[in-house]
Amino acid sequence: MAAAVRDFSAALEPLSPVARPGRLRDAAPALRDARDRAAVAAQRLAAARLEDQRLERQRERVAAAAEPALAAMDRVVAAAEAGDARQAAAAATGFATAVDRLRASALPT
């Protein structure tokens, strides 16, 4: 999942600070591809079970945090496909917040 999130972030980064509709639409396929790969990884993570209880708790936290990250990615992709710069900016902010939470969920407790 981390690689897909990095790829999504990398596709999003050149669009800031002000995304133009054409550039958003051009970036949409790469954003969608990274989002789809993240979804597959999140599904695998959610389905997995680990014997080590400490690692299982960490897996559960990361799996739970993956859902909001995927939802944020969906909003970014939708805005990019529509060429809606205002919505893309708002969605990118939500994505950044969700990724911060996803990273924090992976830290050992």
Protein backbone atom coordinates (compact mmCIF):
# COMPACT_ATOMS: atom_id res chain seq x y z
CA MET A 1 0.00 0.00 0.00
CA ALA A 2 2.84 2.37 0.81
CA ALA A 3 4.19 2.25 -2.75
CA ALA A 4 0.77 3.06 -4.21
CA VAL A 5 0.29 5.96 -1.79
CA ARG A 6 3.75 7.28 -2.72
CA ASP A 7 2.89 6.98 -6.43
CA PHE A 8 -0.40 8.78 -5.86
CA SER A 9 1.39 11.56 -3.99
CA ALA A 10 4.01 11.79 -6.74
CA ALA A 11 1.30 12.15 -9.41
CA LEU A 12 -0.45 14.79 -7.33
CA GLU A 13 2.60 16.87 -6.39
CA PRO A 14 3.28 18.53 -9.78
CA LEU A 15 -0.29 19.82 -9.82
CA SER A 16 0.25 22.19 -6.91
CA PRO A 17 0.11 24.95 -5.89
CA VAL A 18 -2.59 25.80 -8.47
CA ALA A 19 -3.93 22.94 -10.56
CA ARG A 20 -5.23 23.72 -14.01
CA PRO A 21 -8.20 21.76 -15.41
CA GLY A 22 -6.22 20.30 -18.31
CA ARG A 23 -3.34 19.21 -16.11
CA LEU A 24 -5.78 17.65 -13.66
CA ARG A 25 -7.43 15.62 -16.41
CA ASP A 26 -4.00 14.60 -17.72
CA ALA A 27 -2.98 13.38 -14.27
CA ALA A 28 -6.24 11.53 -13.62
CA PRO A 29 -5.19 8.16 -15.15
CA ALA A 30 -2.01 7.98 -13.04
CA LEU A 31 -3.97 8.99 -9.95
CA ARG A 32 -6.64 6.35 -10.64
CA ASP A 33 -4.01 3.66 -11.25
CA ALA A 34 -2.26 4.40 -7.95
CA ARG A 35 -5.61 4.51 -6.14
CA ASP A 36 -6.61 1.14 -7.60
CA ARG A 37 -3.31 -0.41 -6.52
CA ALA A 38 -3.79 1.02 -3.03
CA ALA A 39 -7.27 -0.51 -2.90
CA VAL A 40 -5.94 -3.97 -3.79
CA ALA A 41 -3.25 -3.67 -1.13
CA ALA A 42 -5.81 -2.48 1.44
CA GLN A 43 -8.07 -5.43 0.65
CA ARG A 44 -5.17 -7.84 1.14
CA LEU A 45 -4.23 -6.15 4.39
CA ALA A 46 -7.81 -6.29 5.67
CA ALA A 47 -8.07 -9.99 4.83
CA ALA A 48 -4.75 -10.97 6.41
CA ARG A 49 -4.41 -12.27 9.92
CA LEU A 50 -1.17 -12.43 11.91
CA GLU A 51 -0.36 -14.76 14.78
CA ASP A 52 1.79 -12.23 16.60
CA GLN A 53 -0.75 -10.17 18.58
CA ARG A 54 1.33 -7.01 18.53
CA LEU A 55 1.64 -7.16 14.75
CA GLU A 56 -2.03 -8.09 14.41
CA ARG A 57 -3.06 -4.97 16.36
CA GLN A 58 -0.81 -2.87 14.12
CA ARG A 59 -2.31 -4.52 11.01
CA GLU A 60 -5.81 -3.75 12.29
CA ARG A 61 -4.92 -0.08 12.86
CA VAL A 62 -3.38 0.28 9.41
CA ALA A 63 -6.30 -1.51 7.73
CA ALA A 64 -8.75 0.83 9.48
CA ALA A 65 -6.75 3.91 8.48
CA ALA A 66 -6.56 2.72 4.87
CA GLU A 67 -10.29 3.22 4.30
CA PRO A 68 -10.30 7.01 4.84
CA ALA A 69 -7.14 7.27 2.74
CA LEU A 70 -8.84 5.43 -0.12
CA ALA A 71 -11.92 7.62 0.20
CA ALA A 72 -9.71 10.72 0.03
CA MET A 73 -7.98 9.30 -3.05
CA ASP A 74 -11.41 8.75 -4.64
CA ARG A 75 -12.28 12.41 -4.09
CA VAL A 76 -8.99 13.54 -5.65
CA VAL A 77 -9.48 11.27 -8.66
CA ALA A 78 -13.06 12.46 -9.19
CA ALA A 79 -11.99 16.10 -9.05
CA ALA A 80 -9.07 15.45 -11.41
CA GLU A 81 -11.26 13.62 -13.91
CA ALA A 82 -13.73 16.51 -13.80
CA GLY A 83 -10.93 19.09 -14.10
CA ASP A 84 -12.28 20.81 -11.00
CA ALA A 85 -9.35 22.67 -9.47
CA ARG A 86 -11.23 23.88 -6.40
CA GLN A 87 -12.46 20.40 -5.50
CA ALA A 88 -9.05 18.92 -6.28
CA ALA A 89 -7.37 21.30 -3.85
CA ALA A 90 -9.86 20.49 -1.09
CA ALA A 91 -9.56 16.76 -1.79
CA ALA A 92 -5.75 16.94 -1.80
CA THR A 93 -5.84 18.51 1.65
CA GLY A 94 -8.07 15.68 2.86
CA PHE A 95 -5.73 13.16 1.27
CA ALA A 96 -2.73 14.65 3.08
CA THR A 97 -4.56 14.41 6.41
CA ALA A 98 -5.60 10.81 5.73
CA VAL A 99 -2.04 9.85 4.78
CA ASP A 100 -0.70 11.41 7.98
CA ARG A 101 -3.16 9.25 9.94
CA LEU A 102 -2.24 6.19 7.89
CA ARG A 103 1.45 6.71 8.65
CA ALA A 104 0.72 7.25 12.34
CA SER A 105 -1.32 4.04 12.45
CA ALA A 106 1.71 2.06 11.31
CA LEU A 107 3.87 3.22 14.21
CA PRO A 108 4.40 0.65 16.94
CA THR A 109 2.62 1.29 20.20
